[in-house]
Amino acid sequence: MGSGWKATMSTLDFSTTIGNTWFPAPTFTASGCASSGRELAQFFPLREMGGVVTKSVMSKARNGRPTPRMAETPSGMLNSIGLQGPGIDAFIAKDIPYLVEQKARIIVSIAGETVEEYSTLARKLRSVSGLSAIEVNISCPNVENRGLVFACDPDASRRVIDGVRRTIGGELPIIAKLSPDVTDLVSIARGVVDSGADGLALINTVLGMVINVDTMRPHLGGKTGGLSGPAIRPIAVRAVYQVHAALPNIPILGMGGVASGKDALEMILAGASGVSIGTASFGNPTAIMKIQNELKQLLLDRGFTSLKQAIGYAHRPEADNANE
């Protein structure tokens, strides 16, 4: 790793853009996997990655779902945390000032049980300085509609995004986090973009279940849970590819089993403008930095001088690739 390598590394434009916000790197935490960054900050400076996507915060404090909440599965894990958290007021008072102090770029993830709750959360965040974007997690259960998920209902998902956009105005980018548990992801994505989303987060966990064969009952206290990890990566790559093909100008944060630079590059070639890392950080708290360094090298090895050149590269006709 001599000086020539460093000079080459320094010429790579590794930045990405979501809405009107610039990020120096395309690497982010996945919401819910690093809380508000305090744990990861023990291992590397938070400002060195693209941004911290916080755990989804709701209006009131929540204790979450009954235990057990996690189960290992082949090439992944199931979680059923139930959006445990401090509530928006405590979050604004404690977590955001900490992240600002760390010079992290902050994407606050919000979640609600009603359309109105999302707008209320957006109203409280409107006056908070230091935010880079808001992730609107509409892939959580919608109690207004018999446990359905907002992101599985085209009309409800549009109403949530429209309400948040009207509340916060046009400055702060909105990233809509979508569920893969739908038959037509592209139409849901198109609907939220039409309603004011500047970017998309694809994908949230896939609904799954584990049965304990000793008790002969569901293992998780909440019965079902979200499957994450390498097992869902091909689903995520497919989702990113399909949505980018339909909406090529909309930035996508790709997530779902990203554990290496190669995994990250696959998401970017499919059409992601950035990647979020979640489950991998549980096993290796420095996974984000490792993935970031590997991704830089892979881009250079393939002759790219910027990250942006690689976004959606897999969509190019074969003849284009052959000519380069």
Protein backbone atom coordinates (compact mmCIF):
# COMPACT_ATOMS: atom_id res chain seq x y z
CA MET A 1 0.00 0.00 0.00
CA GLY A 2 2.49 2.59 -1.20
CA SER A 3 2.16 6.26 -2.04
CA GLY A 4 0.89 5.47 -5.53
CA TRP A 5 -2.11 3.66 -4.04
CA LYS A 6 -2.86 6.58 -1.73
CA ALA A 7 -2.67 9.08 -4.58
CA THR A 8 -5.09 6.97 -6.60
CA MET A 9 -7.44 6.67 -3.63
CA SER A 10 -7.37 10.44 -3.16
CA THR A 11 -8.48 11.06 -6.75
CA LEU A 12 -11.67 8.97 -6.38
CA ASP A 13 -14.81 11.08 -5.91
CA PHE A 14 -16.56 8.92 -3.31
CA SER A 15 -19.39 11.37 -2.62
CA THR A 16 -23.11 10.86 -3.22
CA THR A 17 -26.21 13.04 -3.21
CA ILE A 18 -29.74 12.45 -1.90
CA GLY A 19 -32.16 15.22 -2.75
CA ASN A 20 -30.25 18.45 -2.22
CA THR A 21 -27.91 16.95 0.38
CA TRP A 22 -24.30 15.98 -0.34
CA PHE A 23 -22.61 13.14 1.57
CA PRO A 24 -18.83 12.52 1.41
CA ALA A 25 -19.30 8.73 1.36
CA PRO A 26 -22.11 6.38 0.29
CA THR A 27 -22.10 4.37 3.55
CA PHE A 28 -24.84 4.70 6.17
CA THR A 29 -26.12 2.83 9.18
CA ALA A 30 -29.40 0.98 8.71
CA SER A 31 -32.16 2.31 10.92
CA GLY A 32 -32.51 0.31 14.12
CA CYS A 33 -29.11 -1.35 13.93
CA ALA A 34 -26.95 1.28 15.63
CA SER A 35 -29.52 3.16 17.74
CA SER A 36 -28.22 6.74 17.56
CA GLY A 37 -24.59 5.89 16.91
CA ARG A 38 -23.14 5.90 20.44
CA GLU A 39 -22.13 2.24 20.32
CA LEU A 40 -20.38 2.53 16.95
CA ALA A 41 -18.64 5.77 17.98
CA GLN A 42 -16.48 3.67 20.34
CA PHE A 43 -14.90 2.03 17.28
CA PHE A 44 -14.55 4.80 14.68
CA PRO A 45 -15.47 8.49 14.23
CA LEU A 46 -19.06 8.74 13.02
CA ARG A 47 -18.13 11.63 10.71
CA GLU A 48 -16.00 9.24 8.61
CA MET A 49 -19.02 7.48 7.10
CA GLY A 50 -21.72 8.96 4.91
CA GLY A 51 -24.30 9.38 7.64
CA VAL A 52 -26.08 7.93 10.64
CA VAL A 53 -29.65 6.80 10.03
CA THR A 54 -31.16 6.75 13.52
CA LYS A 55 -33.43 4.12 14.97
CA SER A 56 -37.02 4.93 13.97
CA VAL A 57 -38.49 7.30 16.55
CA MET A 58 -42.17 7.67 17.40
CA SER A 59 -44.19 10.30 19.27
CA LYS A 60 -44.17 8.54 22.64
CA ALA A 61 -41.67 6.27 24.36
CA ARG A 62 -42.21 2.58 23.60
CA ASN A 63 -41.08 -0.53 25.45
CA GLY A 64 -41.24 -2.69 22.35
CA ARG A 65 -42.44 -6.25 21.94
CA PRO A 66 -42.23 -9.17 24.38
CA THR A 67 -39.09 -11.34 24.56
CA PRO A 68 -37.52 -13.30 23.01
CA ARG A 69 -36.97 -10.70 20.30
CA MET A 70 -34.27 -12.27 18.14
CA ALA A 71 -33.57 -15.58 16.48
CA GLU A 72 -30.66 -16.72 14.34
CA THR A 73 -31.56 -18.19 10.97
CA PRO A 74 -29.44 -19.60 8.13
CA SER A 75 -27.47 -16.64 6.71
CA GLY A 76 -29.45 -14.11 8.68
CA MET A 77 -31.48 -13.30 11.75
CA LEU A 78 -35.05 -12.49 12.72
CA ASN A 79 -35.82 -9.56 14.98
CA SER A 80 -39.05 -8.44 16.59
CA ILE A 81 -38.05 -5.38 18.60
CA GLY A 82 -41.27 -3.43 18.14
CA LEU A 83 -39.74 0.04 17.65
CA GLN A 84 -38.61 0.39 21.25
CA GLY A 85 -37.41 3.93 21.84
CA PRO A 86 -37.47 7.09 23.94
CA GLY A 87 -40.05 9.11 22.00
CA ILE A 88 -39.41 12.19 19.88
CA ASP A 89 -39.00 14.78 22.66
CA ALA A 90 -36.28 12.87 24.52
CA PHE A 91 -34.66 11.99 21.18
CA ILE A 92 -34.44 15.66 20.14
CA ALA A 93 -33.13 16.63 23.59
CA LYS A 94 -30.42 13.93 23.92
CA ASP A 95 -29.60 12.07 20.73
CA ILE A 96 -29.46 14.79 18.10
CA PRO A 97 -27.11 17.06 20.14
CA TYR A 98 -24.78 14.07 20.62
CA LEU A 99 -24.67 13.35 16.87
CA VAL A 100 -24.13 17.03 16.06
CA GLU A 101 -21.24 17.06 18.55
CA GLN A 102 -19.74 14.04 16.77
CA LYS A 103 -19.97 15.95 13.46
CA ALA A 104 -22.05 13.10 12.03
CA ARG A 105 -24.44 13.69 9.16
CA ILE A 106 -27.86 12.87 10.59
CA ILE A 107 -30.81 11.18 8.91
CA VAL A 108 -33.63 10.90 11.45
CA SER A 109 -35.93 7.94 10.87
CA ILE A 110 -39.55 8.45 11.94
CA ALA A 111 -42.32 5.89 12.32
CA GLY A 112 -45.99 6.27 13.16
CA GLU A 113 -49.16 4.33 13.78
CA THR A 114 -51.34 6.88 11.97
CA VAL A 115 -50.89 9.30 9.07
CA GLU A 116 -51.24 12.17 11.55
CA GLU A 117 -48.46 10.86 13.80
CA TYR A 118 -45.94 11.11 10.96
CA SER A 119 -46.93 14.73 10.35
CA THR A 120 -46.63 15.51 14.08
CA LEU A 121 -43.11 14.02 14.15
CA ALA A 122 -42.14 16.02 11.05
CA ARG A 123 -43.45 19.21 12.68
CA LYS A 124 -41.22 18.66 15.72
CA LEU A 125 -38.17 18.02 13.53
CA ARG A 126 -38.81 21.04 11.31
CA SER A 127 -37.14 23.44 13.75
CA VAL A 128 -34.20 21.14 14.59
CA SER A 129 -30.92 22.24 13.00
CA GLY A 130 -28.14 19.92 11.86
CA LEU A 131 -30.28 17.34 10.04
CA SER A 132 -29.32 16.05 6.58
CA ALA A 133 -32.57 14.21 5.74
CA ILE A 134 -35.60 12.47 7.20
CA GLU A 135 -36.26 8.79 6.61
CA VAL A 136 -39.98 8.07 6.71
CA ASN A 137 -40.29 4.45 7.77
CA ILE A 138 -43.66 3.47 6.35
CA SER A 139 -42.83 -0.22 6.50
CA CYS A 140 -44.06 -0.63 10.09
CA PRO A 141 -47.55 -1.87 11.14
CA ASN A 142 -50.40 0.53 10.52
CA VAL A 143 -52.85 0.19 13.42
CA GLU A 144 -55.42 2.33 11.62
CA ASN A 145 -55.87 -0.50 9.17
CA ARG A 146 -55.89 -3.84 11.01
CA GLY A 147 -52.16 -4.34 11.31
CA LEU A 148 -51.38 -3.68 7.67
CA VAL A 149 -48.14 -1.94 6.80
CA PHE A 150 -48.43 1.54 5.27
CA ALA A 151 -45.89 0.64 2.58
CA CYS A 152 -48.07 -2.29 1.46
CA ASP A 153 -50.96 0.07 0.72
CA PRO A 154 -50.34 2.48 -2.18
CA ASP A 155 -52.91 5.02 -0.98
CA ALA A 156 -51.82 5.04 2.68
CA SER A 157 -48.14 5.30 1.78
CA ARG A 158 -48.83 8.29 -0.47
CA ARG A 159 -50.86 10.02 2.25
CA VAL A 160 -48.05 9.63 4.80
CA ILE A 161 -45.39 11.08 2.49
CA ASP A 162 -47.69 13.87 1.35
CA GLY A 163 -48.39 14.80 4.98
CA VAL A 164 -44.70 14.87 5.92
CA ARG A 165 -43.78 16.89 2.82
CA ARG A 166 -46.48 19.49 3.49
CA THR A 167 -45.35 19.76 7.12
CA ILE A 168 -41.60 20.20 6.63
CA GLY A 169 -41.72 22.16 3.39
CA GLY A 170 -39.28 21.70 0.55
CA GLU A 171 -35.81 21.97 2.08
CA LEU A 172 -35.08 18.71 3.92
CA PRO A 173 -34.92 15.58 1.74
CA ILE A 174 -37.46 12.85 2.51
CA ILE A 175 -36.38 9.23 2.08
CA ALA A 176 -39.28 6.74 2.06
CA LYS A 177 -38.36 3.34 3.51
CA LEU A 178 -40.31 0.62 1.71
CA SER A 179 -41.22 -2.99 2.44
CA PRO A 180 -40.33 -5.83 0.06
CA ASP A 181 -43.48 -7.69 1.13
CA VAL A 182 -45.58 -6.36 -1.77
CA THR A 183 -46.47 -7.64 -5.22
CA ASP A 184 -45.67 -4.41 -7.09
CA LEU A 185 -42.86 -2.48 -5.43
CA VAL A 186 -42.37 -0.18 -8.41
CA SER A 187 -45.92 1.21 -8.21
CA ILE A 188 -45.54 1.88 -4.45
CA ALA A 189 -42.20 3.60 -5.12
CA ARG A 190 -43.68 5.71 -7.90
CA GLY A 191 -46.57 6.73 -5.66
CA VAL A 192 -44.39 7.99 -2.80
CA VAL A 193 -42.11 9.85 -5.20
CA ASP A 194 -45.15 11.54 -6.76
CA SER A 195 -46.20 12.53 -3.21
CA GLY A 196 -42.91 14.25 -2.43
CA ALA A 197 -40.26 11.66 -1.53
CA ASP A 198 -36.77 12.68 -2.72
CA GLY A 199 -35.24 9.23 -2.23
CA LEU A 200 -36.08 5.63 -1.35
CA ALA A 201 -34.66 3.18 1.19
CA LEU A 202 -34.83 -0.40 -0.17
CA ILE A 203 -35.43 -2.75 1.46
CA ASN A 204 -36.74 -3.16 4.97
CA THR A 205 -36.62 -6.63 6.49
CA VAL A 206 -38.67 -9.50 5.03
CA LEU A 207 -41.45 -10.87 7.23
CA GLY A 208 -40.52 -14.27 8.66
CA MET A 209 -41.09 -16.71 11.49
CA VAL A 210 -39.24 -19.39 13.46
CA ILE A 211 -41.01 -22.24 15.27
CA ASN A 212 -39.26 -23.70 18.33
CA VAL A 213 -39.55 -27.46 17.85
CA ASP A 214 -39.09 -28.13 21.58
CA THR A 215 -41.94 -25.88 22.76
CA MET A 216 -43.70 -26.37 19.42
CA ARG A 217 -44.66 -22.69 19.48
CA PRO A 218 -43.39 -19.59 17.63
CA HIS A 219 -39.96 -18.70 19.02
CA LEU A 220 -40.36 -14.91 19.00
CA GLY A 221 -42.50 -13.19 21.59
CA GLY A 222 -44.15 -11.22 18.79
CA LYS A 223 -44.55 -14.43 16.72
CA THR A 224 -43.35 -12.91 13.42
CA GLY A 225 -40.21 -10.84 12.87
CA GLY A 226 -38.11 -9.13 10.26
CA LEU A 227 -35.52 -11.27 8.45
CA SER A 228 -32.23 -9.48 7.79
CA GLY A 229 -28.69 -10.42 6.78
CA PRO A 230 -27.14 -12.08 3.71
CA ALA A 231 -30.23 -14.27 3.19
CA ILE A 232 -32.22 -11.29 1.89
CA ARG A 233 -29.52 -9.64 -0.22
CA PRO A 234 -30.66 -11.07 -3.58
CA ILE A 235 -34.18 -9.78 -2.83
CA ALA A 236 -32.76 -6.33 -2.06
CA VAL A 237 -30.62 -6.25 -5.21
CA ARG A 238 -33.66 -7.22 -7.30
CA ALA A 239 -35.76 -4.49 -5.63
CA VAL A 240 -33.11 -1.81 -6.19
CA TYR A 241 -32.61 -2.89 -9.81
CA GLN A 242 -36.34 -2.87 -10.64
CA VAL A 243 -37.04 0.48 -8.97
CA HIS A 244 -33.96 2.15 -10.52
CA ALA A 245 -35.05 0.91 -13.95
CA ALA A 246 -38.44 2.56 -13.47
CA LEU A 247 -37.24 5.71 -11.64
CA PRO A 248 -33.63 6.25 -12.76
CA ASN A 249 -33.38 9.79 -11.36
CA ILE A 250 -34.49 8.93 -7.82
CA PRO A 251 -31.65 8.17 -5.38
CA ILE A 252 -31.92 4.84 -3.58
CA LEU A 253 -30.29 3.76 -0.33
CA GLY A 254 -29.76 0.03 -0.86
CA MET A 255 -29.79 -2.27 2.16
CA GLY A 256 -30.29 -5.90 3.04
CA GLY A 257 -27.35 -8.14 3.86
CA VAL A 258 -24.53 -5.80 2.84
CA ALA A 259 -21.48 -7.29 4.59
CA SER A 260 -18.57 -6.50 2.24
CA GLY A 261 -17.39 -4.00 -0.35
CA LYS A 262 -18.46 -6.48 -3.03
CA ASP A 263 -22.00 -6.56 -1.63
CA ALA A 264 -22.06 -2.75 -1.57
CA LEU A 265 -20.82 -2.54 -5.17
CA GLU A 266 -23.53 -4.98 -6.26
CA MET A 267 -26.19 -2.64 -4.78
CA ILE A 268 -24.62 0.39 -6.47
CA LEU A 269 -24.38 -1.33 -9.87
CA ALA A 270 -28.08 -2.23 -9.46
CA GLY A 271 -28.89 1.45 -9.01
CA ALA A 272 -28.28 2.43 -5.38
CA SER A 273 -26.71 5.84 -4.68
CA GLY A 274 -25.62 4.62 -1.24
CA VAL A 275 -25.78 1.58 1.01
CA SER A 276 -26.92 1.04 4.58
CA ILE A 277 -25.20 -1.51 6.78
CA GLY A 278 -27.12 -3.14 9.61
CA THR A 279 -26.78 -6.80 10.59
CA ALA A 280 -23.07 -6.91 9.65
CA SER A 281 -22.30 -4.35 12.39
CA PHE A 282 -23.59 -6.72 15.09
CA GLY A 283 -20.84 -9.21 14.30
CA ASN A 284 -18.17 -6.61 13.52
CA PRO A 285 -18.65 -3.06 14.87
CA THR A 286 -16.11 -1.73 12.34
CA ALA A 287 -17.93 -3.35 9.38
CA ILE A 288 -18.95 0.02 7.90
CA MET A 289 -15.33 1.21 7.68
CA LYS A 290 -14.21 -2.12 6.23
CA ILE A 291 -16.97 -2.01 3.61
CA GLN A 292 -16.14 1.62 2.78
CA ASN A 293 -12.44 0.84 2.16
CA GLU A 294 -13.20 -2.30 0.14
CA LEU A 295 -15.74 -0.43 -1.99
CA LYS A 296 -13.25 2.32 -2.80
CA GLN A 297 -10.71 -0.22 -3.99
CA LEU A 298 -13.26 -2.15 -6.06
CA LEU A 299 -14.33 1.05 -7.82
CA LEU A 300 -10.71 1.92 -8.62
CA ASP A 301 -9.96 -1.62 -9.81
CA ARG A 302 -12.79 -1.27 -12.32
CA GLY A 303 -11.56 2.06 -13.65
CA PHE A 304 -14.18 4.33 -12.07
CA THR A 305 -13.06 7.81 -11.05
CA SER A 306 -16.27 8.52 -9.11
CA LEU A 307 -18.96 6.60 -7.28
CA LYS A 308 -21.61 8.29 -9.43
CA GLN A 309 -20.21 6.62 -12.58
CA ALA A 310 -20.97 3.20 -11.06
CA ILE A 311 -24.57 3.93 -9.98
CA GLY A 312 -26.90 1.78 -12.11
CA TYR A 313 -24.02 0.51 -14.28
CA ALA A 314 -25.66 -2.93 -14.54
CA HIS A 315 -28.50 -1.34 -16.56
CA ARG A 316 -26.23 -0.36 -19.45
CA PRO A 317 -26.65 -2.30 -22.70
CA GLU A 318 -23.98 -4.97 -23.24
CA ALA A 319 -22.59 -3.09 -26.25
CA ASP A 320 -21.92 -0.02 -24.06
CA ASN A 321 -19.94 -2.10 -21.61
CA ALA A 322 -17.93 -3.75 -24.37
CA ASN A 323 -16.87 -0.38 -25.77
CA GLU A 324 -15.32 0.86 -22.53
